[in-house]
Each structure stands twice: as C-alpha cells, then as structure tokens.
Amino acid sequence: MAAETSHPAPAGEQGHRRDGLWLLVIWIVLSIIGCLLVAYVWGPHLPPGAMSTSASSQQFDTRVLAVVATPVIIGVLLYFGWALAFWRQKPGDETDAAPIHGNTRIQALWIVVTSAIVLGLAVFGTYELINPAGSGSGQGPQPAFNHGVLAAASDTSWAPNTNNILQVQVIGQQWAWTFRYPQFGGFETTDLVLPVGQQVRFNVTSLDVIHSFWAYQLGVKADANPGVNNVAYTTPYHTGTFVVRCDELCGIWHGAMYDYGKVVSVPNFLTWAHSTETQLAAVTKLLPPYALTYDPTVLANVGKVNQQLGLTSAGGGYYNPADPEQP
C-alpha cells in the first residue's frame, strides 16, 4: 500500500491562521490594559461622581458596564484595523478570495460567552436596582427597601447618628423647587441643605404639572407628580454644592427651573436648620400642615401670601419676578 502523504494547508489558510493567533494575542493584551485603564483611571471620574451613596453606586454600575464593553470595542476596532492594513485587495488583483467555511467550535463558544455576559449583566443589574437602590431614582410611596428605620414625618427629635432618617420634602411648582423640613417645625424654603454622612429620605411631590427632581451630583432623580409622594434615598459622602434641576419638560420656563443645594457638616446643618426654623416661624404658621401631598386649589391664597413674603410655598402660584411673562 502506498505511503500516505500529507498535504500542507494552502498558504492563504496558513496566513489566516497566523493572523488569527496574532489577533488573539494582541486583543488579550489590549483588553487587559484597556480594562485596567477604564476601571482605575477613567472610572473614578465617571458621572455623576461619588458625592453620595446613590451617586457612588451609579458610578460603580457605569464602571462595570464600561469594563465589560471594553474588550468588545477593542475587538471590533482591532479586527477592522487589521483587515484594512493586511487584508486589502492588492492593486490589479482580481482573483476571488479564499472560501469561508463555518466553524462549529467558534460558533458554540460565541453563543456560550455572549449568553453568559447577558445573563450575568441581567443578574447584576437586578441586584443593583433592588438591593442598594443603585439607580437612585424615586421608588414610589412604598420603596422596595426602607434603608433603616424611618422617622415619623412629625418627628422633631432628629439628631445625627441615630436611627432617624432626615426627612426632606421636595415640592415642584412652575417653575421652582421648594423644600420642607418636617422634623424642624415644617418650615419651607428654597434652600436645600443636607448634613454630610446622614441618611436622607426625599419625599417628592408637585403642585401643578409633572416635574422631575434631579440632584445631579447626588445621583438622585425622582418624578414629582401632583398628588403622589415619590420616595428616594441617599447619604451624602462629601461636603460641597450640587446642581438641582427639573428633568421633565414642564412649561415655558422649564429651562430656568434649577438651583443649587449644598452638603455641610452636621453642626453647620443643625445651626442652619434651627436658625431658619426660628426665622421663618411666622411664615410657617401660614403654611398648611405638613402632608405628603397638597391640594393647590385649596392652598392658593396661602401661596399668594407667602409670595408677598418672598417665599414660594406649598400654595403654588410661583412666578419668577425676572420672567418677562407674568400671569
């Protein structure tokens, strides 16, 4: 019987095998470098920052997604660049390229890897939304997790480092935000001041149309719906200022419905809260009793009185004097 002879693979196939090996090695090296840069260099600067628990959680989620996406992006760009550099048709070459055949092992590996990534991200996303409330969004009147023992709305014994969560009511109205502090006599002000290191529960509502309370650097966003109390939690990590905007188109001056809040030390917050409570005591008497929602049709006169006192109130009817259009 004639001896079997081995036939070497065509030169083009051998070249493609070498290209595949080079592509794999370069992709692995670049992916490791890219993931480390994304995780440790770019990651700490991703929005919305790390000013609070909710912001930090969102930044972590974005960092994880960016790290997962990095090898995919590098692979696509590397393959595209390699094809342009080495697999281009030579000038004057009109021959057909080598036929392409399916590869069962590569197809199976692709299905397994992509399925594992998608299912893993689904589990990760579900956990982040439910357990640490990483979305930072309003969770409705009955949050999935209470994040500790909630203080009663009328509790006036709030003090730092207790089980009492600082209650802040956020009231949206065309076109301004006001904030009530029920644990400090229920005064209402246009200033949003929070103590560092203390858990805060935002009770978000509206007096007229749908607004959206967005404290950007805190990573908190919750819809402000009339007749609804929408709850969001956060704990500020650092002192400083943060931007408060309306993120829902709410009328002609929607773009001007923004302000700045600040996070201060606990002693400074308590000093501010008690002094503001005393300063606004007379105005607070004109306000309706603290409630999670308000009926603006009943409170219209109170709103006008407080407007004259220079304070927008739960009565609504707020129009910035600088606006060229007045009702």
C-alpha atoms as a PDB file:
ATOM      1  CA  MET A   1       0.000   0.000   0.000  1.00  0.00           C
ATOM      2  CA  ALA A   2       1.353   3.358  -0.968  1.00  0.00           C
ATOM      3  CA  ALA A   3       2.533   5.506   1.890  1.00  0.00           C
ATOM      4  CA  GLU A   4       0.135   8.240   2.847  1.00  0.00           C
ATOM      5  CA  THR A   5       1.366  11.679   2.018  1.00  0.00           C
ATOM      6  CA  SER A   6       0.436  14.777   3.993  1.00  0.00           C
ATOM      7  CA  HIS A   7      -0.715  17.771   2.077  1.00  0.00           C
ATOM      8  CA  PRO A   8       0.232  21.112   3.625  1.00  0.00           C
ATOM      9  CA  ALA A   9      -2.522  23.656   4.061  1.00  0.00           C
ATOM     10  CA  PRO A  10      -2.670  26.349   1.391  1.00  0.00           C
ATOM     11  CA  ALA A  11      -0.501  29.362   2.017  1.00  0.00           C
ATOM     12  CA  GLY A  12      -3.523  31.629   2.324  1.00  0.00           C
ATOM     13  CA  GLU A  13      -5.050  29.412   5.030  1.00  0.00           C
ATOM     14  CA  GLN A  14      -1.760  29.292   6.938  1.00  0.00           C
ATOM     15  CA  GLY A  15      -1.526  33.078   6.721  1.00  0.00           C
ATOM     16  CA  HIS A  16      -5.016  33.474   8.100  1.00  0.00           C
ATOM     17  CA  ARG A  17      -4.205  31.095  10.960  1.00  0.00           C
ATOM     18  CA  ARG A  18      -1.176  33.176  11.842  1.00  0.00           C
ATOM     19  CA  ASP A  19      -3.294  36.316  11.601  1.00  0.00           C
ATOM     20  CA  GLY A  20      -5.853  34.765  13.912  1.00  0.00           C
ATOM     21  CA  LEU A  21      -3.211  33.956  16.511  1.00  0.00           C
ATOM     22  CA  TRP A  22      -1.730  37.451  16.314  1.00  0.00           C
ATOM     23  CA  LEU A  23      -5.191  38.994  16.581  1.00  0.00           C
ATOM     24  CA  LEU A  24      -5.996  36.874  19.643  1.00  0.00           C
ATOM     25  CA  VAL A  25      -2.746  37.739  21.429  1.00  0.00           C
ATOM     26  CA  ILE A  26      -2.976  41.473  20.653  1.00  0.00           C
ATOM     27  CA  TRP A  27      -6.649  41.542  21.636  1.00  0.00           C
ATOM     28  CA  ILE A  28      -5.950  39.893  25.004  1.00  0.00           C
ATOM     29  CA  VAL A  29      -3.091  42.280  25.792  1.00  0.00           C
ATOM     30  CA  LEU A  30      -5.010  45.394  24.738  1.00  0.00           C
ATOM     31  CA  SER A  31      -8.141  44.228  26.581  1.00  0.00           C
ATOM     32  CA  ILE A  32      -6.236  43.777  29.849  1.00  0.00           C
ATOM     33  CA  ILE A  33      -4.628  47.219  29.502  1.00  0.00           C
ATOM     34  CA  GLY A  34      -7.927  48.811  28.466  1.00  0.00           C
ATOM     35  CA  CYS A  35      -9.929  47.257  31.311  1.00  0.00           C
ATOM     36  CA  LEU A  36      -7.364  48.397  33.884  1.00  0.00           C
ATOM     37  CA  LEU A  37      -7.378  51.955  32.483  1.00  0.00           C
ATOM     38  CA  VAL A  38     -11.185  52.084  32.452  1.00  0.00           C
ATOM     39  CA  ALA A  39     -11.522  50.640  35.956  1.00  0.00           C
ATOM     40  CA  TYR A  40      -8.826  52.599  37.753  1.00  0.00           C
ATOM     41  CA  VAL A  41      -8.057  55.705  35.675  1.00  0.00           C
ATOM     42  CA  TRP A  42     -11.273  56.709  33.918  1.00  0.00           C
ATOM     43  CA  GLY A  43     -13.705  55.010  36.314  1.00  0.00           C
ATOM     44  CA  PRO A  44     -13.253  57.336  39.331  1.00  0.00           C
ATOM     45  CA  HIS A  45     -14.117  60.318  37.096  1.00  0.00           C
ATOM     46  CA  LEU A  46     -17.283  58.896  35.567  1.00  0.00           C
ATOM     47  CA  PRO A  47     -20.505  60.839  36.211  1.00  0.00           C
ATOM     48  CA  PRO A  48     -22.298  61.525  38.450  1.00  0.00           C
ATOM     49  CA  GLY A  49     -19.276  61.213  40.736  1.00  0.00           C
ATOM     50  CA  ALA A  50     -19.108  59.864  44.261  1.00  0.00           C
ATOM     51  CA  MET A  51     -20.658  62.618  46.368  1.00  0.00           C
ATOM     52  CA  SER A  52     -23.277  60.303  47.874  1.00  0.00           C
ATOM     53  CA  THR A  53     -24.211  56.660  48.226  1.00  0.00           C
ATOM     54  CA  SER A  54     -26.581  56.782  45.261  1.00  0.00           C
ATOM     55  CA  ALA A  55     -24.080  58.638  43.063  1.00  0.00           C
ATOM     56  CA  SER A  56     -21.277  56.267  44.009  1.00  0.00           C
ATOM     57  CA  SER A  57     -23.484  53.278  43.252  1.00  0.00           C
ATOM     58  CA  GLN A  58     -24.362  54.657  39.824  1.00  0.00           C
ATOM     59  CA  GLN A  59     -20.715  55.352  39.094  1.00  0.00           C
ATOM     60  CA  PHE A  60     -19.838  51.770  40.077  1.00  0.00           C
ATOM     61  CA  ASP A  61     -22.546  50.412  37.770  1.00  0.00           C
ATOM     62  CA  THR A  62     -21.299  52.518  34.876  1.00  0.00           C
ATOM     63  CA  ARG A  63     -17.724  51.438  35.566  1.00  0.00           C
ATOM     64  CA  VAL A  64     -18.704  47.749  35.477  1.00  0.00           C
ATOM     65  CA  LEU A  65     -20.558  48.182  32.183  1.00  0.00           C
ATOM     66  CA  ALA A  66     -17.625  50.119  30.716  1.00  0.00           C
ATOM     67  CA  VAL A  67     -15.160  47.403  31.735  1.00  0.00           C
ATOM     68  CA  VAL A  68     -17.370  44.706  30.196  1.00  0.00           C
ATOM     69  CA  ALA A  69     -17.731  46.720  26.974  1.00  0.00           C
ATOM     70  CA  THR A  70     -14.011  47.496  26.642  1.00  0.00           C
ATOM     71  CA  PRO A  71     -12.866  44.093  25.237  1.00  0.00           C
ATOM     72  CA  VAL A  72     -15.782  44.124  22.790  1.00  0.00           C
ATOM     73  CA  ILE A  73     -14.948  47.596  21.492  1.00  0.00           C
ATOM     74  CA  ILE A  74     -11.238  46.779  21.275  1.00  0.00           C
ATOM     75  CA  GLY A  75     -12.005  43.551  19.405  1.00  0.00           C
ATOM     76  CA  VAL A  76     -14.175  45.294  16.814  1.00  0.00           C
ATOM     77  CA  LEU A  77     -11.707  48.131  16.226  1.00  0.00           C
ATOM     78  CA  LEU A  78      -8.710  45.761  16.157  1.00  0.00           C
ATOM     79  CA  TYR A  79     -10.328  43.439  13.622  1.00  0.00           C
ATOM     80  CA  PHE A  80     -11.404  46.387  11.478  1.00  0.00           C
ATOM     81  CA  GLY A  81      -7.938  47.934  11.554  1.00  0.00           C
ATOM     82  CA  TRP A  82      -6.230  44.600  10.845  1.00  0.00           C
ATOM     83  CA  ALA A  83      -8.482  43.994   7.847  1.00  0.00           C
ATOM     84  CA  LEU A  84      -7.733  47.445   6.433  1.00  0.00           C
ATOM     85  CA  ALA A  85      -3.998  47.031   6.975  1.00  0.00           C
ATOM     86  CA  PHE A  86      -3.360  43.418   5.872  1.00  0.00           C
ATOM     87  CA  TRP A  87      -6.384  42.002   4.090  1.00  0.00           C
ATOM     88  CA  ARG A  88      -6.946  44.637   1.474  1.00  0.00           C
ATOM     89  CA  GLN A  89      -7.086  43.604  -2.136  1.00  0.00           C
ATOM     90  CA  LYS A  90      -3.805  44.334  -3.888  1.00  0.00           C
ATOM     91  CA  PRO A  91      -3.894  46.702  -6.885  1.00  0.00           C
ATOM     92  CA  GLY A  92      -4.611  44.719 -10.026  1.00  0.00           C
ATOM     93  CA  ASP A  93      -5.578  41.553  -8.114  1.00  0.00           C
ATOM     94  CA  GLU A  94      -8.964  40.414  -9.404  1.00  0.00           C
ATOM     95  CA  THR A  95      -8.897  36.852  -8.091  1.00  0.00           C
ATOM     96  CA  ASP A  96     -11.526  35.571  -5.727  1.00  0.00           C
ATOM     97  CA  ALA A  97     -10.743  35.357  -2.038  1.00  0.00           C
ATOM     98  CA  ALA A  98     -10.458  32.007  -0.297  1.00  0.00           C
ATOM     99  CA  PRO A  99     -13.860  30.456   0.502  1.00  0.00           C
ATOM    100  CA  ILE A 100     -15.141  30.898   4.041  1.00  0.00           C
ATOM    101  CA  HIS A 101     -16.474  27.917   5.972  1.00  0.00           C
ATOM    102  CA  GLY A 102     -18.339  27.793   9.239  1.00  0.00           C
ATOM    103  CA  ASN A 103     -16.531  26.836  12.427  1.00  0.00           C
ATOM    104  CA  THR A 104     -18.714  24.954  14.865  1.00  0.00           C
ATOM    105  CA  ARG A 105     -16.380  25.453  17.829  1.00  0.00           C
ATOM    106  CA  ILE A 106     -16.184  29.219  17.330  1.00  0.00           C
ATOM    107  CA  GLN A 107     -19.957  29.465  16.906  1.00  0.00           C
ATOM    108  CA  ALA A 108     -20.593  27.457  20.071  1.00  0.00           C
ATOM    109  CA  LEU A 109     -18.039  29.492  22.016  1.00  0.00           C
ATOM    110  CA  TRP A 110     -19.634  32.721  20.789  1.00  0.00           C
ATOM    111  CA  ILE A 111     -23.103  31.630  21.914  1.00  0.00           C
ATOM    112  CA  VAL A 112     -21.869  30.482  25.339  1.00  0.00           C
ATOM    113  CA  VAL A 113     -19.783  33.593  26.042  1.00  0.00           C
ATOM    114  CA  THR A 114     -22.375  36.145  24.895  1.00  0.00           C
ATOM    115  CA  SER A 115     -25.171  34.332  26.748  1.00  0.00           C
ATOM    116  CA  ALA A 116     -23.105  34.292  29.939  1.00  0.00           C
ATOM    117  CA  ILE A 117     -22.364  38.025  29.622  1.00  0.00           C
ATOM    118  CA  VAL A 118     -26.004  38.966  29.014  1.00  0.00           C
ATOM    119  CA  LEU A 119     -27.361  36.787  31.821  1.00  0.00           C
ATOM    120  CA  GLY A 120     -24.619  37.962  34.182  1.00  0.00           C
ATOM    121  CA  LEU A 121     -25.418  41.613  33.479  1.00  0.00           C
ATOM    122  CA  ALA A 122     -29.120  40.900  33.976  1.00  0.00           C
ATOM    123  CA  VAL A 123     -28.439  39.458  37.430  1.00  0.00           C
ATOM    124  CA  PHE A 124     -26.035  42.288  38.271  1.00  0.00           C
ATOM    125  CA  GLY A 125     -28.485  44.970  37.129  1.00  0.00           C
ATOM    126  CA  THR A 126     -31.373  43.451  39.053  1.00  0.00           C
ATOM    127  CA  TYR A 127     -29.308  43.241  42.243  1.00  0.00           C
ATOM    128  CA  GLU A 128     -28.063  46.832  41.889  1.00  0.00           C
ATOM    129  CA  LEU A 129     -31.566  48.196  41.321  1.00  0.00           C
ATOM    130  CA  ILE A 130     -33.183  46.341  44.209  1.00  0.00           C
ATOM    131  CA  ASN A 131     -30.638  45.970  46.994  1.00  0.00           C
ATOM    132  CA  PRO A 132     -28.522  49.150  47.157  1.00  0.00           C
ATOM    133  CA  ALA A 133     -31.028  51.159  45.089  1.00  0.00           C
ATOM    134  CA  GLY A 134     -28.197  51.975  42.752  1.00  0.00           C
ATOM    135  CA  SER A 135     -30.469  53.765  40.321  1.00  0.00           C
ATOM    136  CA  GLY A 136     -31.065  56.495  42.879  1.00  0.00           C
ATOM    137  CA  SER A 137     -34.470  57.078  41.335  1.00  0.00           C
ATOM    138  CA  GLY A 138     -37.763  57.654  43.053  1.00  0.00           C
ATOM    139  CA  GLN A 139     -39.113  54.397  44.384  1.00  0.00           C
ATOM    140  CA  GLY A 140     -42.726  55.353  44.845  1.00  0.00           C
ATOM    141  CA  PRO A 141     -44.713  55.617  48.075  1.00  0.00           C
ATOM    142  CA  GLN A 142     -43.693  52.082  49.098  1.00  0.00           C
ATOM    143  CA  PRO A 143     -39.967  51.612  48.432  1.00  0.00           C
ATOM    144  CA  ALA A 144     -38.651  48.096  47.965  1.00  0.00           C
ATOM    145  CA  PHE A 145     -36.216  48.640  50.831  1.00  0.00           C
ATOM    146  CA  ASN A 146     -36.625  51.140  53.661  1.00  0.00           C
ATOM    147  CA  HIS A 147     -32.886  51.561  54.249  1.00  0.00           C
ATOM    148  CA  GLY A 148     -33.262  51.575  58.012  1.00  0.00           C
ATOM    149  CA  VAL A 149     -35.897  52.719  60.440  1.00  0.00           C
ATOM    150  CA  LEU A 150     -37.797  55.690  59.089  1.00  0.00           C
ATOM    151  CA  ALA A 151     -38.567  58.605  61.335  1.00  0.00           C
ATOM    152  CA  ALA A 152     -42.153  59.721  61.502  1.00  0.00           C
ATOM    153  CA  ALA A 153     -42.902  62.779  59.405  1.00  0.00           C
ATOM    154  CA  SER A 154     -43.732  64.804  62.508  1.00  0.00           C
ATOM    155  CA  ASP A 155     -40.679  63.647  64.469  1.00  0.00           C
ATOM    156  CA  THR A 156     -38.856  66.672  65.873  1.00  0.00           C
ATOM    157  CA  SER A 157     -36.172  64.709  67.718  1.00  0.00           C
ATOM    158  CA  TRP A 158     -33.891  64.274  64.760  1.00  0.00           C
ATOM    159  CA  ALA A 159     -30.239  64.139  65.682  1.00  0.00           C
ATOM    160  CA  PRO A 160     -27.174  62.820  63.855  1.00  0.00           C
ATOM    161  CA  ASN A 161     -26.069  59.230  64.272  1.00  0.00           C
ATOM    162  CA  THR A 162     -29.496  57.959  65.280  1.00  0.00           C
ATOM    163  CA  ASN A 163     -31.908  55.654  63.506  1.00  0.00           C
ATOM    164  CA  ASN A 164     -33.902  58.677  62.418  1.00  0.00           C
ATOM    165  CA  ILE A 165     -33.584  59.490  58.739  1.00  0.00           C
ATOM    166  CA  LEU A 166     -33.647  63.162  57.829  1.00  0.00           C
ATOM    167  CA  GLN A 167     -36.907  63.864  56.017  1.00  0.00           C
ATOM    168  CA  VAL A 168     -36.851  66.451  53.245  1.00  0.00           C
ATOM    169  CA  GLN A 169     -39.943  67.145  51.197  1.00  0.00           C
ATOM    170  CA  VAL A 170     -39.278  68.305  47.649  1.00  0.00           C
ATOM    171  CA  ILE A 171     -42.119  70.361  46.151  1.00  0.00           C
ATOM    172  CA  GLY A 172     -42.122  71.106  42.430  1.00  0.00           C
ATOM    173  CA  GLN A 173     -44.095  74.017  41.020  1.00  0.00           C
ATOM    174  CA  GLN A 174     -43.872  76.149  37.918  1.00  0.00           C
ATOM    175  CA  TRP A 175     -41.041  76.964  37.949  1.00  0.00           C
ATOM    176  CA  ALA A 176     -39.137  76.476  41.192  1.00  0.00           C
ATOM    177  CA  TRP A 177     -38.270  73.913  43.831  1.00  0.00           C
ATOM    178  CA  THR A 178     -39.109  74.391  47.479  1.00  0.00           C
ATOM    179  CA  PHE A 179     -38.143  72.175  50.394  1.00  0.00           C
ATOM    180  CA  ARG A 180     -39.895  71.451  53.680  1.00  0.00           C
ATOM    181  CA  TYR A 181     -38.196  70.085  56.786  1.00  0.00           C
ATOM    182  CA  PRO A 182     -40.945  68.449  58.888  1.00  0.00           C
ATOM    183  CA  GLN A 183     -38.539  67.488  61.675  1.00  0.00           C
ATOM    184  CA  PHE A 184     -37.681  71.153  62.197  1.00  0.00           C
ATOM    185  CA  GLY A 185     -41.113  72.669  62.598  1.00  0.00           C
ATOM    186  CA  GLY A 186     -42.140  72.117  58.985  1.00  0.00           C
ATOM    187  CA  PHE A 187     -40.589  75.302  57.585  1.00  0.00           C
ATOM    188  CA  GLU A 188     -40.374  75.646  53.822  1.00  0.00           C
ATOM    189  CA  THR A 189     -37.551  77.285  51.934  1.00  0.00           C
ATOM    190  CA  THR A 190     -35.932  77.490  48.542  1.00  0.00           C
ATOM    191  CA  ASP A 191     -32.631  76.357  50.093  1.00  0.00           C
ATOM    192  CA  LEU A 192     -31.727  72.680  50.030  1.00  0.00           C
ATOM    193  CA  VAL A 193     -29.157  71.975  52.742  1.00  0.00           C
ATOM    194  CA  LEU A 194     -28.137  68.466  53.820  1.00  0.00           C
ATOM    195  CA  PRO A 195     -25.823  67.113  56.540  1.00  0.00           C
ATOM    196  CA  VAL A 196     -22.835  65.059  55.465  1.00  0.00           C
ATOM    197  CA  GLY A 197     -22.815  61.411  56.476  1.00  0.00           C
ATOM    198  CA  GLN A 198     -26.524  61.308  57.372  1.00  0.00           C
ATOM    199  CA  GLN A 199     -29.161  59.366  55.508  1.00  0.00           C
ATOM    200  CA  VAL A 200     -31.790  61.474  53.757  1.00  0.00           C
ATOM    201  CA  ARG A 201     -35.236  60.492  52.571  1.00  0.00           C
ATOM    202  CA  PHE A 202     -36.632  62.748  49.837  1.00  0.00           C
ATOM    203  CA  ASN A 203     -40.428  62.895  49.614  1.00  0.00           C
ATOM    204  CA  VAL A 204     -41.037  64.310  46.149  1.00  0.00           C
ATOM    205  CA  THR A 205     -44.356  65.769  45.000  1.00  0.00           C
ATOM    206  CA  SER A 206     -45.764  68.507  42.763  1.00  0.00           C
ATOM    207  CA  LEU A 207     -48.436  71.167  42.919  1.00  0.00           C
ATOM    208  CA  ASP A 208     -49.289  71.548  39.257  1.00  0.00           C
ATOM    209  CA  VAL A 209     -47.742  69.569  36.397  1.00  0.00           C
ATOM    210  CA  ILE A 210     -45.245  66.708  36.304  1.00  0.00           C
ATOM    211  CA  HIS A 211     -41.709  67.783  37.200  1.00  0.00           C
ATOM    212  CA  SER A 212     -38.596  65.677  37.800  1.00  0.00           C
ATOM    213  CA  PHE A 213     -36.327  66.335  40.756  1.00  0.00           C
ATOM    214  CA  TRP A 214     -32.728  65.775  39.678  1.00  0.00           C
ATOM    215  CA  ALA A 215     -29.955  66.379  42.193  1.00  0.00           C
ATOM    216  CA  TYR A 216     -27.205  65.550  39.739  1.00  0.00           C
ATOM    217  CA  GLN A 217     -24.074  65.159  41.868  1.00  0.00           C
ATOM    218  CA  LEU A 218     -26.077  63.234  44.473  1.00  0.00           C
ATOM    219  CA  GLY A 219     -27.238  60.759  41.858  1.00  0.00           C
ATOM    220  CA  VAL A 220     -30.883  61.297  42.838  1.00  0.00           C
ATOM    221  CA  LYS A 221     -33.681  61.621  40.311  1.00  0.00           C
ATOM    222  CA  ALA A 222     -37.366  61.231  41.129  1.00  0.00           C
ATOM    223  CA  ASP A 223     -40.510  62.297  39.292  1.00  0.00           C
ATOM    224  CA  ALA A 224     -42.568  64.969  41.010  1.00  0.00           C
ATOM    225  CA  ASN A 225     -46.187  64.084  40.284  1.00  0.00           C
ATOM    226  CA  PRO A 226     -49.178  66.011  41.646  1.00  0.00           C
ATOM    227  CA  GLY A 227     -50.998  64.011  44.295  1.00  0.00           C
ATOM    228  CA  VAL A 228     -48.177  61.460  44.594  1.00  0.00           C
ATOM    229  CA  ASN A 229     -45.355  61.072  47.122  1.00  0.00           C
ATOM    230  CA  ASN A 230     -42.318  59.662  45.350  1.00  0.00           C
ATOM    231  CA  VAL A 231     -39.517  58.488  47.640  1.00  0.00           C
ATOM    232  CA  ALA A 232     -35.754  58.493  47.066  1.00  0.00           C
ATOM    233  CA  TYR A 233     -32.860  57.896  49.447  1.00  0.00           C
ATOM    234  CA  THR A 234     -29.248  58.983  49.626  1.00  0.00           C
ATOM    235  CA  THR A 235     -26.457  59.599  52.117  1.00  0.00           C
ATOM    236  CA  PRO A 236     -24.028  62.413  51.233  1.00  0.00           C
ATOM    237  CA  TYR A 237     -20.379  61.375  51.459  1.00  0.00           C
ATOM    238  CA  HIS A 238     -18.728  64.757  50.972  1.00  0.00           C
ATOM    239  CA  THR A 239     -19.480  68.405  51.649  1.00  0.00           C
ATOM    240  CA  GLY A 240     -19.916  70.770  48.714  1.00  0.00           C
ATOM    241  CA  THR A 241     -22.509  72.074  46.290  1.00  0.00           C
ATOM    242  CA  PHE A 242     -24.660  70.161  43.830  1.00  0.00           C
ATOM    243  CA  VAL A 243     -26.968  71.132  40.992  1.00  0.00           C
ATOM    244  CA  VAL A 244     -30.742  70.715  41.271  1.00  0.00           C
ATOM    245  CA  ARG A 245     -32.654  70.708  38.001  1.00  0.00           C
ATOM    246  CA  CYS A 246     -36.037  69.794  36.642  1.00  0.00           C
ATOM    247  CA  ASP A 247     -35.618  66.935  34.183  1.00  0.00           C
ATOM    248  CA  GLU A 248     -39.177  66.876  32.848  1.00  0.00           C
ATOM    249  CA  LEU A 249     -40.480  69.423  30.351  1.00  0.00           C
ATOM    250  CA  CYS A 250     -42.925  71.383  32.495  1.00  0.00           C
ATOM    251  CA  GLY A 251     -43.703  74.629  30.688  1.00  0.00           C
ATOM    252  CA  ILE A 252     -42.200  77.710  29.166  1.00  0.00           C
ATOM    253  CA  TRP A 253     -39.618  78.308  31.925  1.00  0.00           C
ATOM    254  CA  HIS A 254     -38.607  74.696  32.375  1.00  0.00           C
ATOM    255  CA  GLY A 255     -35.036  75.542  31.408  1.00  0.00           C
ATOM    256  CA  ALA A 256     -34.777  78.071  34.245  1.00  0.00           C
ATOM    257  CA  MET A 257     -36.039  75.656  36.889  1.00  0.00           C
ATOM    258  CA  TYR A 258     -32.718  74.931  38.505  1.00  0.00           C
ATOM    259  CA  ASP A 259     -30.908  75.828  41.681  1.00  0.00           C
ATOM    260  CA  TYR A 260     -28.004  74.705  43.835  1.00  0.00           C
ATOM    261  CA  GLY A 261     -28.056  72.669  47.031  1.00  0.00           C
ATOM    262  CA  LYS A 262     -25.219  72.107  49.434  1.00  0.00           C
ATOM    263  CA  VAL A 263     -23.924  69.484  51.810  1.00  0.00           C
ATOM    264  CA  VAL A 264     -22.447  70.835  55.044  1.00  0.00           C
ATOM    265  CA  SER A 265     -21.130  69.430  58.290  1.00  0.00           C
ATOM    266  CA  VAL A 266     -23.668  68.174  60.827  1.00  0.00           C
ATOM    267  CA  PRO A 267     -23.079  71.079  63.287  1.00  0.00           C
ATOM    268  CA  ASN A 268     -23.444  73.615  60.459  1.00  0.00           C
ATOM    269  CA  PHE A 269     -26.609  71.910  59.265  1.00  0.00           C
ATOM    270  CA  LEU A 270     -28.180  71.917  62.714  1.00  0.00           C
ATOM    271  CA  THR A 271     -27.274  75.580  63.163  1.00  0.00           C
ATOM    272  CA  TRP A 272     -28.820  76.429  59.793  1.00  0.00           C
ATOM    273  CA  ALA A 273     -31.944  74.346  60.393  1.00  0.00           C
ATOM    274  CA  HIS A 274     -32.692  75.771  63.842  1.00  0.00           C
ATOM    275  CA  SER A 275     -31.976  79.359  62.813  1.00  0.00           C
ATOM    276  CA  THR A 276     -34.106  79.042  59.693  1.00  0.00           C
ATOM    277  CA  GLU A 277     -36.917  77.463  61.719  1.00  0.00           C
ATOM    278  CA  THR A 278     -36.855  80.461  64.066  1.00  0.00           C
ATOM    279  CA  GLN A 279     -36.527  82.993  61.263  1.00  0.00           C
ATOM    280  CA  LEU A 280     -39.474  81.590  59.292  1.00  0.00           C
ATOM    281  CA  ALA A 281     -41.704  80.792  62.276  1.00  0.00           C
ATOM    282  CA  ALA A 282     -44.239  83.468  61.372  1.00  0.00           C
ATOM    283  CA  VAL A 283     -44.368  82.346  57.746  1.00  0.00           C
ATOM    284  CA  THR A 284     -44.575  78.684  58.694  1.00  0.00           C
ATOM    285  CA  LYS A 285     -47.821  79.402  60.582  1.00  0.00           C
ATOM    286  CA  LEU A 286     -49.381  80.430  57.276  1.00  0.00           C
ATOM    287  CA  LEU A 287     -48.408  77.174  55.620  1.00  0.00           C
ATOM    288  CA  PRO A 288     -50.753  74.201  55.518  1.00  0.00           C
ATOM    289  CA  PRO A 289     -49.958  71.367  57.924  1.00  0.00           C
ATOM    290  CA  TYR A 290     -47.236  69.090  56.684  1.00  0.00           C
ATOM    291  CA  ALA A 291     -48.551  66.392  54.378  1.00  0.00           C
ATOM    292  CA  LEU A 292     -47.060  64.141  51.742  1.00  0.00           C
ATOM    293  CA  THR A 293     -49.199  65.823  49.049  1.00  0.00           C
ATOM    294  CA  TYR A 294     -51.089  69.106  48.779  1.00  0.00           C
ATOM    295  CA  ASP A 295     -54.184  70.381  47.029  1.00  0.00           C
ATOM    296  CA  PRO A 296     -53.139  73.628  45.293  1.00  0.00           C
ATOM    297  CA  THR A 297     -56.751  74.704  44.721  1.00  0.00           C
ATOM    298  CA  VAL A 298     -57.299  74.832  48.485  1.00  0.00           C
ATOM    299  CA  LEU A 299     -53.975  76.489  49.212  1.00  0.00           C
ATOM    300  CA  ALA A 300     -53.980  79.176  46.544  1.00  0.00           C
ATOM    301  CA  ASN A 301     -54.462  82.087  48.962  1.00  0.00           C
ATOM    302  CA  VAL A 302     -51.707  80.832  51.236  1.00  0.00           C
ATOM    303  CA  GLY A 303     -49.412  80.708  48.230  1.00  0.00           C
ATOM    304  CA  LYS A 304     -50.114  84.345  47.417  1.00  0.00           C
ATOM    305  CA  VAL A 305     -49.438  85.427  50.994  1.00  0.00           C
ATOM    306  CA  ASN A 306     -46.115  83.637  51.086  1.00  0.00           C
ATOM    307  CA  GLN A 307     -45.219  85.043  47.695  1.00  0.00           C
ATOM    308  CA  GLN A 308     -45.565  88.506  49.162  1.00  0.00           C
ATOM    309  CA  LEU A 309     -43.275  87.449  51.982  1.00  0.00           C
ATOM    310  CA  GLY A 310     -40.653  86.429  49.454  1.00  0.00           C
ATOM    311  CA  LEU A 311     -41.101  82.698  49.963  1.00  0.00           C
ATOM    312  CA  THR A 312     -42.565  80.336  47.401  1.00  0.00           C
ATOM    313  CA  SER A 313     -44.731  77.890  49.245  1.00  0.00           C
ATOM    314  CA  ALA A 314     -46.785  74.756  49.053  1.00  0.00           C
ATOM    315  CA  GLY A 315     -49.553  77.017  47.814  1.00  0.00           C
ATOM    316  CA  GLY A 316     -48.021  77.172  44.349  1.00  0.00           C
ATOM    317  CA  GLY A 317     -48.520  80.089  42.017  1.00  0.00           C
ATOM    318  CA  TYR A 318     -44.816  80.822  41.776  1.00  0.00           C
ATOM    319  CA  TYR A 319     -43.585  83.112  39.005  1.00  0.00           C
ATOM    320  CA  ASN A 320     -40.077  84.470  38.994  1.00  0.00           C
ATOM    321  CA  PRO A 321     -40.266  88.293  39.012  1.00  0.00           C
ATOM    322  CA  ALA A 322     -37.497  88.334  36.411  1.00  0.00           C
ATOM    323  CA  ASP A 323     -39.608  86.378  33.935  1.00  0.00           C
ATOM    324  CA  PRO A 324     -40.869  88.653  31.128  1.00  0.00           C
ATOM    325  CA  GLU A 325     -44.212  86.869  31.038  1.00  0.00           C
ATOM    326  CA  GLN A 326     -46.426  87.167  34.090  1.00  0.00           C
ATOM    327  CA  PRO A 327     -49.892  85.683  34.674  1.00  0.00           C
END
